[in-house]
Amino acid sequence: MGALILEDLEDLETGSKHMVWMGEVPMEVAAKLNLLHPHVYMNRRGLRHIFAEHPDVIPYEILKVPLDLRDGLWLQEIRNPNVFIVSREDPEQRKRYMVVLKSYEKGSEMWVSSYYRVHEKQTTAHMRRCKILRNAI
């Protein structure tokens, strides 16, 4: 699986692809969750949700999801343990992003369900109601 490119997102939007590989769950997080498949994917529904609910996010920013997954703060919702939140500040643009992931079956791959910009206070609020799986690198 190669690097994520804009063409992947275009293919997803047009229906040429049903899913695209977005990255990997970091080894230390995958080990804590006993994941058999540490892959992260996005389908057309996830992409359309991002564009509909977060119109300020442009496709170029979505290309940063693999970096967010690799370097970000990983949280697991306590009330809904199949939902994961990854937060990372882009050091170049000084913007903080949040990736929301879902795993539909214990030990299976994760799917991007949302992606948006957040403020540090929003990340702190999530930290209070989530289990920290890994701090940001």
N, C-alpha and C. Protein backbone atom coordinates (compact mmCIF):
# COMPACT_ATOMS: atom_id res chain seq x y z
N MET A 1 0.84 -1.17 0.00
CA MET A 1 0.00 0.00 0.00
C MET A 1 0.89 1.23 0.00
N GLY A 2 0.69 2.06 -1.00
CA GLY A 2 1.54 3.22 -1.17
C GLY A 2 1.00 4.44 -0.46
N ALA A 3 1.63 5.55 -0.75
CA ALA A 3 1.25 6.83 -0.13
C ALA A 3 -0.12 7.27 -0.64
N LEU A 4 -0.84 7.94 0.22
CA LEU A 4 -2.14 8.50 -0.12
C LEU A 4 -1.93 9.71 -1.02
N ILE A 5 -2.67 9.77 -2.12
CA ILE A 5 -2.57 10.90 -3.05
C ILE A 5 -3.97 11.45 -3.35
N LEU A 6 -4.02 12.66 -3.89
CA LEU A 6 -5.31 13.29 -4.20
C LEU A 6 -6.16 12.43 -5.13
N GLU A 7 -5.53 11.75 -6.05
CA GLU A 7 -6.26 10.89 -6.99
C GLU A 7 -7.06 9.81 -6.25
N ASP A 8 -6.51 9.31 -5.12
CA ASP A 8 -7.24 8.32 -4.32
C ASP A 8 -8.56 8.90 -3.81
N LEU A 9 -8.51 10.14 -3.33
CA LEU A 9 -9.72 10.79 -2.82
C LEU A 9 -10.71 11.05 -3.95
N GLU A 10 -10.20 11.45 -5.11
CA GLU A 10 -11.07 11.68 -6.27
C GLU A 10 -11.74 10.38 -6.70
N ASP A 11 -10.98 9.28 -6.72
CA ASP A 11 -11.53 7.98 -7.08
C ASP A 11 -12.60 7.53 -6.09
N LEU A 12 -12.39 7.83 -4.84
CA LEU A 12 -13.37 7.50 -3.81
C LEU A 12 -14.64 8.31 -4.02
N GLU A 13 -14.48 9.58 -4.28
CA GLU A 13 -15.64 10.46 -4.48
C GLU A 13 -16.46 10.06 -5.71
N THR A 14 -15.78 9.68 -6.77
CA THR A 14 -16.49 9.33 -8.01
C THR A 14 -17.01 7.89 -8.00
N GLY A 15 -16.58 7.10 -7.04
CA GLY A 15 -17.02 5.72 -6.97
C GLY A 15 -16.11 4.75 -7.71
N SER A 16 -15.00 5.24 -8.27
CA SER A 16 -14.05 4.35 -8.95
C SER A 16 -13.41 3.38 -7.97
N LYS A 17 -13.29 3.83 -6.70
CA LYS A 17 -12.79 2.98 -5.62
C LYS A 17 -13.84 2.95 -4.52
N HIS A 18 -13.95 1.81 -3.86
CA HIS A 18 -14.91 1.69 -2.76
C HIS A 18 -14.30 2.06 -1.42
N MET A 19 -12.97 1.99 -1.35
CA MET A 19 -12.27 2.36 -0.13
C MET A 19 -10.83 2.71 -0.48
N VAL A 20 -10.21 3.49 0.38
CA VAL A 20 -8.79 3.79 0.20
C VAL A 20 -8.08 3.55 1.53
N TRP A 21 -6.84 3.12 1.42
CA TRP A 21 -6.01 2.90 2.58
C TRP A 21 -5.50 4.25 3.06
N MET A 22 -5.69 4.52 4.37
CA MET A 22 -5.31 5.81 4.93
C MET A 22 -4.04 5.74 5.78
N GLY A 23 -3.67 4.55 6.22
CA GLY A 23 -2.49 4.42 7.06
C GLY A 23 -2.60 3.23 7.98
N GLU A 24 -1.79 3.26 9.02
CA GLU A 24 -1.71 2.15 9.97
C GLU A 24 -1.92 2.65 11.39
N VAL A 25 -2.46 1.79 12.21
CA VAL A 25 -2.53 2.05 13.65
C VAL A 25 -1.11 1.81 14.17
N PRO A 26 -0.54 2.74 14.95
CA PRO A 26 0.82 2.53 15.46
C PRO A 26 0.92 1.21 16.24
N MET A 27 2.08 0.58 16.15
CA MET A 27 2.28 -0.74 16.75
C MET A 27 1.90 -0.78 18.23
N GLU A 28 2.29 0.24 18.99
CA GLU A 28 2.00 0.21 20.43
C GLU A 28 0.51 0.30 20.71
N VAL A 29 -0.24 1.03 19.88
CA VAL A 29 -1.69 1.12 20.05
C VAL A 29 -2.33 -0.19 19.60
N ALA A 30 -1.88 -0.73 18.48
CA ALA A 30 -2.41 -1.99 17.97
C ALA A 30 -2.22 -3.10 18.99
N ALA A 31 -1.07 -3.11 19.67
CA ALA A 31 -0.79 -4.14 20.68
C ALA A 31 -1.75 -4.00 21.87
N LYS A 32 -2.01 -2.77 22.31
CA LYS A 32 -2.92 -2.55 23.44
C LYS A 32 -4.34 -3.00 23.11
N LEU A 33 -4.71 -2.87 21.83
CA LEU A 33 -6.06 -3.20 21.40
C LEU A 33 -6.19 -4.62 20.86
N ASN A 34 -5.07 -5.35 20.83
CA ASN A 34 -5.05 -6.70 20.26
C ASN A 34 -5.60 -6.73 18.84
N LEU A 35 -5.18 -5.75 18.05
CA LEU A 35 -5.66 -5.67 16.67
C LEU A 35 -4.99 -6.73 15.81
N LEU A 36 -5.79 -7.43 15.05
CA LEU A 36 -5.26 -8.40 14.09
C LEU A 36 -4.90 -7.71 12.78
N HIS A 37 -5.64 -6.64 12.50
CA HIS A 37 -5.46 -5.90 11.24
C HIS A 37 -5.30 -4.41 11.58
N PRO A 38 -4.07 -3.89 11.62
CA PRO A 38 -3.86 -2.50 12.03
C PRO A 38 -4.07 -1.47 10.91
N HIS A 39 -4.76 -1.87 9.87
CA HIS A 39 -4.98 -0.95 8.74
C HIS A 39 -6.11 0.02 9.03
N VAL A 40 -5.99 1.22 8.45
CA VAL A 40 -7.04 2.24 8.54
C VAL A 40 -7.47 2.57 7.13
N TYR A 41 -8.77 2.55 6.89
CA TYR A 41 -9.34 2.82 5.58
C TYR A 41 -10.36 3.94 5.67
N MET A 42 -10.72 4.48 4.50
CA MET A 42 -11.84 5.41 4.42
C MET A 42 -12.69 4.99 3.23
N ASN A 43 -14.00 5.04 3.42
CA ASN A 43 -14.91 4.76 2.31
C ASN A 43 -15.57 6.05 1.84
N ARG A 44 -16.37 5.93 0.82
CA ARG A 44 -17.02 7.10 0.23
C ARG A 44 -17.92 7.82 1.24
N ARG A 45 -18.59 7.05 2.07
CA ARG A 45 -19.47 7.64 3.08
C ARG A 45 -18.69 8.54 4.03
N GLY A 46 -17.52 8.07 4.48
CA GLY A 46 -16.68 8.87 5.38
C GLY A 46 -16.22 10.15 4.71
N LEU A 47 -15.80 10.04 3.45
CA LEU A 47 -15.33 11.22 2.71
C LEU A 47 -16.46 12.22 2.52
N ARG A 48 -17.61 11.73 2.15
CA ARG A 48 -18.75 12.64 1.94
C ARG A 48 -19.19 13.31 3.24
N HIS A 49 -19.09 12.58 4.34
CA HIS A 49 -19.41 13.17 5.64
C HIS A 49 -18.47 14.35 5.93
N ILE A 50 -17.19 14.13 5.68
CA ILE A 50 -16.20 15.19 5.94
C ILE A 50 -16.53 16.43 5.11
N PHE A 51 -16.78 16.24 3.83
CA PHE A 51 -17.06 17.38 2.95
C PHE A 51 -18.38 18.06 3.31
N ALA A 52 -19.38 17.30 3.74
CA ALA A 52 -20.69 17.88 4.07
C ALA A 52 -20.68 18.59 5.43
N GLU A 53 -20.08 17.97 6.42
CA GLU A 53 -20.13 18.50 7.78
C GLU A 53 -18.98 19.45 8.12
N HIS A 54 -17.90 19.36 7.37
CA HIS A 54 -16.71 20.16 7.66
C HIS A 54 -16.18 20.77 6.36
N PRO A 55 -16.95 21.69 5.75
CA PRO A 55 -16.57 22.23 4.45
C PRO A 55 -15.28 23.05 4.46
N ASP A 56 -14.79 23.41 5.65
CA ASP A 56 -13.53 24.14 5.73
C ASP A 56 -12.33 23.23 5.49
N VAL A 57 -12.53 21.91 5.58
CA VAL A 57 -11.44 20.96 5.33
C VAL A 57 -11.35 20.72 3.83
N ILE A 58 -10.16 20.91 3.30
CA ILE A 58 -9.94 20.71 1.87
C ILE A 58 -9.24 19.36 1.65
N PRO A 59 -9.36 18.80 0.44
CA PRO A 59 -8.75 17.48 0.18
C PRO A 59 -7.27 17.41 0.55
N TYR A 60 -6.53 18.47 0.30
CA TYR A 60 -5.10 18.47 0.63
C TYR A 60 -4.88 18.15 2.11
N GLU A 61 -5.75 18.68 2.97
CA GLU A 61 -5.60 18.44 4.41
C GLU A 61 -5.86 16.98 4.76
N ILE A 62 -6.78 16.34 4.05
CA ILE A 62 -7.08 14.93 4.31
C ILE A 62 -5.87 14.05 4.01
N LEU A 63 -5.00 14.51 3.13
CA LEU A 63 -3.78 13.76 2.83
C LEU A 63 -2.86 13.66 4.04
N LYS A 64 -3.11 14.46 5.06
CA LYS A 64 -2.28 14.43 6.27
C LYS A 64 -2.73 13.38 7.28
N VAL A 65 -3.83 12.70 7.00
CA VAL A 65 -4.32 11.68 7.94
C VAL A 65 -3.26 10.64 8.27
N PRO A 66 -2.49 10.13 7.30
CA PRO A 66 -1.45 9.16 7.68
C PRO A 66 -0.45 9.69 8.72
N LEU A 67 -0.11 10.98 8.62
CA LEU A 67 0.78 11.59 9.62
C LEU A 67 0.08 11.71 10.97
N ASP A 68 -1.20 12.07 10.93
CA ASP A 68 -1.97 12.16 12.17
C ASP A 68 -1.99 10.80 12.87
N LEU A 69 -2.24 9.75 12.11
CA LEU A 69 -2.28 8.40 12.67
C LEU A 69 -0.93 8.01 13.26
N ARG A 70 0.13 8.34 12.56
CA ARG A 70 1.48 7.96 12.99
C ARG A 70 1.94 8.73 14.22
N ASP A 71 1.67 10.05 14.26
CA ASP A 71 2.28 10.90 15.28
C ASP A 71 1.31 11.45 16.33
N GLY A 72 0.01 11.27 16.12
CA GLY A 72 -0.97 11.93 16.97
C GLY A 72 -1.23 11.27 18.31
N LEU A 73 -1.97 11.99 19.13
CA LEU A 73 -2.49 11.51 20.41
C LEU A 73 -3.64 10.55 20.09
N TRP A 74 -3.57 9.33 20.63
CA TRP A 74 -4.60 8.32 20.40
C TRP A 74 -5.47 8.17 21.63
N LEU A 75 -6.79 8.32 21.45
CA LEU A 75 -7.76 8.20 22.53
C LEU A 75 -8.81 7.15 22.15
N GLN A 76 -9.36 6.50 23.17
CA GLN A 76 -10.45 5.55 22.98
C GLN A 76 -11.61 6.00 23.84
N GLU A 77 -12.78 6.15 23.22
CA GLU A 77 -13.95 6.57 24.00
C GLU A 77 -14.29 5.49 25.02
N ILE A 78 -14.59 5.94 26.24
CA ILE A 78 -14.92 4.99 27.30
C ILE A 78 -16.33 4.46 27.13
N ARG A 79 -17.26 5.33 26.79
CA ARG A 79 -18.66 4.90 26.63
C ARG A 79 -18.89 4.10 25.36
N ASN A 80 -18.07 4.32 24.36
CA ASN A 80 -18.22 3.63 23.08
C ASN A 80 -16.83 3.17 22.65
N PRO A 81 -16.36 2.05 23.18
CA PRO A 81 -14.96 1.64 22.98
C PRO A 81 -14.57 1.25 21.56
N ASN A 82 -15.50 1.24 20.64
CA ASN A 82 -15.13 0.99 19.25
C ASN A 82 -14.89 2.29 18.49
N VAL A 83 -14.90 3.43 19.21
CA VAL A 83 -14.64 4.74 18.61
C VAL A 83 -13.30 5.25 19.15
N PHE A 84 -12.47 5.70 18.21
CA PHE A 84 -11.13 6.18 18.54
C PHE A 84 -10.96 7.59 17.99
N ILE A 85 -10.22 8.40 18.71
CA ILE A 85 -9.97 9.78 18.31
C ILE A 85 -8.47 9.98 18.26
N VAL A 86 -8.01 10.57 17.17
CA VAL A 86 -6.59 10.88 17.02
C VAL A 86 -6.49 12.38 16.80
N SER A 87 -5.65 13.03 17.59
CA SER A 87 -5.49 14.47 17.49
C SER A 87 -4.02 14.80 17.30
N ARG A 88 -3.77 15.72 16.36
CA ARG A 88 -2.39 16.14 16.10
C ARG A 88 -2.39 17.57 15.60
N GLU A 89 -1.40 18.33 16.07
CA GLU A 89 -1.21 19.68 15.56
C GLU A 89 -0.21 19.63 14.42
N ASP A 90 -0.58 20.21 13.29
CA ASP A 90 0.32 20.30 12.14
C ASP A 90 1.34 21.39 12.46
N PRO A 91 2.61 21.03 12.61
CA PRO A 91 3.60 22.02 13.02
C PRO A 91 3.84 23.12 11.97
N GLU A 92 3.60 22.81 10.71
CA GLU A 92 3.81 23.81 9.65
C GLU A 92 2.70 24.86 9.63
N GLN A 93 1.47 24.40 9.72
CA GLN A 93 0.34 25.32 9.61
C GLN A 93 -0.22 25.76 10.96
N ARG A 94 0.27 25.15 12.02
CA ARG A 94 -0.20 25.46 13.38
C ARG A 94 -1.72 25.29 13.51
N LYS A 95 -2.23 24.24 12.87
CA LYS A 95 -3.64 23.88 12.98
C LYS A 95 -3.71 22.50 13.60
N ARG A 96 -4.70 22.29 14.44
CA ARG A 96 -4.90 21.00 15.08
C ARG A 96 -6.04 20.28 14.37
N TYR A 97 -5.83 19.00 14.10
CA TYR A 97 -6.82 18.18 13.41
C TYR A 97 -7.23 17.01 14.28
N MET A 98 -8.44 16.55 14.07
CA MET A 98 -8.94 15.38 14.78
C MET A 98 -9.47 14.38 13.76
N VAL A 99 -9.03 13.14 13.90
CA VAL A 99 -9.52 12.04 13.07
C VAL A 99 -10.39 11.18 13.98
N VAL A 100 -11.60 10.88 13.54
CA VAL A 100 -12.46 9.98 14.29
C VAL A 100 -12.50 8.66 13.52
N LEU A 101 -12.20 7.58 14.24
CA LEU A 101 -12.12 6.25 13.65
C LEU A 101 -13.12 5.33 14.33
N LYS A 102 -13.60 4.36 13.57
CA LYS A 102 -14.48 3.34 14.15
C LYS A 102 -13.95 1.97 13.75
N SER A 103 -14.08 1.04 14.67
CA SER A 103 -13.77 -0.35 14.41
C SER A 103 -15.08 -1.10 14.60
N TYR A 104 -15.54 -1.77 13.57
CA TYR A 104 -16.86 -2.39 13.63
C TYR A 104 -16.85 -3.78 14.25
N GLU A 105 -15.67 -4.32 14.42
CA GLU A 105 -15.52 -5.63 15.02
C GLU A 105 -14.23 -5.64 15.81
N LYS A 106 -14.24 -6.18 17.02
CA LYS A 106 -13.05 -6.19 17.86
C LYS A 106 -11.89 -6.86 17.13
N GLY A 107 -10.76 -6.16 17.09
CA GLY A 107 -9.56 -6.71 16.45
C GLY A 107 -9.47 -6.46 14.96
N SER A 108 -10.51 -5.82 14.39
CA SER A 108 -10.50 -5.60 12.95
C SER A 108 -9.95 -4.22 12.59
N GLU A 109 -9.88 -3.97 11.30
CA GLU A 109 -9.37 -2.70 10.81
C GLU A 109 -10.25 -1.55 11.29
N MET A 110 -9.73 -0.33 11.14
CA MET A 110 -10.48 0.87 11.54
C MET A 110 -10.85 1.66 10.29
N TRP A 111 -11.90 2.43 10.42
CA TRP A 111 -12.42 3.25 9.32
C TRP A 111 -12.52 4.70 9.76
N VAL A 112 -12.08 5.61 8.89
CA VAL A 112 -12.21 7.05 9.17
C VAL A 112 -13.68 7.41 9.01
N SER A 113 -14.25 7.97 10.08
CA SER A 113 -15.65 8.40 9.99
C SER A 113 -15.78 9.92 9.95
N SER A 114 -14.72 10.62 10.40
CA SER A 114 -14.76 12.08 10.35
C SER A 114 -13.34 12.64 10.47
N TYR A 115 -13.19 13.87 10.03
CA TYR A 115 -11.90 14.57 10.08
C TYR A 115 -12.19 16.05 10.10
N TYR A 116 -11.65 16.76 11.08
CA TYR A 116 -11.95 18.19 11.18
C TYR A 116 -10.90 18.92 12.00
N ARG A 117 -10.95 20.23 11.92
CA ARG A 117 -10.05 21.08 12.70
C ARG A 117 -10.63 21.26 14.10
N VAL A 118 -9.74 21.33 15.07
CA VAL A 118 -10.18 21.54 16.45
C VAL A 118 -9.23 22.51 17.13
N HIS A 119 -9.67 23.00 18.28
CA HIS A 119 -8.83 23.82 19.14
C HIS A 119 -8.30 22.93 20.25
N GLU A 120 -7.24 23.36 20.89
CA GLU A 120 -6.61 22.58 21.95
C GLU A 120 -7.61 22.24 23.07
N LYS A 121 -8.51 23.17 23.37
CA LYS A 121 -9.50 22.93 24.42
C LYS A 121 -10.41 21.75 24.08
N GLN A 122 -10.72 21.59 22.80
CA GLN A 122 -11.57 20.47 22.39
C GLN A 122 -10.84 19.14 22.60
N THR A 123 -9.55 19.12 22.30
CA THR A 123 -8.76 17.91 22.54
C THR A 123 -8.72 17.60 24.03
N THR A 124 -8.51 18.63 24.85
CA THR A 124 -8.48 18.45 26.30
C THR A 124 -9.80 17.90 26.81
N ALA A 125 -10.90 18.37 26.28
CA ALA A 125 -12.22 17.88 26.69
C ALA A 125 -12.37 16.40 26.35
N HIS A 126 -11.90 16.01 25.19
CA HIS A 126 -11.95 14.59 24.80
C HIS A 126 -11.09 13.75 25.73
N MET A 127 -9.96 14.27 26.13
CA MET A 127 -9.05 13.52 27.00
C MET A 127 -9.71 13.19 28.34
N ARG A 128 -10.62 14.06 28.80
CA ARG A 128 -11.29 13.82 30.08
C ARG A 128 -12.27 12.66 30.02
N ARG A 129 -12.82 12.41 28.84
CA ARG A 129 -13.83 11.35 28.74
C ARG A 129 -13.36 10.15 27.91
N CYS A 130 -12.06 10.08 27.68
CA CYS A 130 -11.50 8.98 26.90
C CYS A 130 -10.31 8.36 27.61
N LYS A 131 -9.99 7.18 27.19
CA LYS A 131 -8.79 6.49 27.67
C LYS A 131 -7.64 6.86 26.74
N ILE A 132 -6.52 7.28 27.31
CA ILE A 132 -5.36 7.63 26.48
C ILE A 132 -4.61 6.35 26.12
N LEU A 133 -4.52 6.11 24.83
CA LEU A 133 -3.79 4.92 24.34
C LEU A 133 -2.33 5.24 24.05
N ARG A 134 -2.10 6.48 23.60
CA ARG A 134 -0.74 6.91 23.33
C ARG A 134 -0.70 8.42 23.23
N ASN A 135 0.31 9.02 23.84
CA ASN A 135 0.50 10.46 23.71
C ASN A 135 1.08 10.78 22.33
N ALA A 136 0.90 12.02 21.93
CA ALA A 136 1.43 12.46 20.63
C ALA A 136 2.95 12.40 20.65
N ILE A 137 3.49 12.14 19.50
CA ILE A 137 4.96 12.10 19.36
C ILE A 137 5.46 13.50 19.04
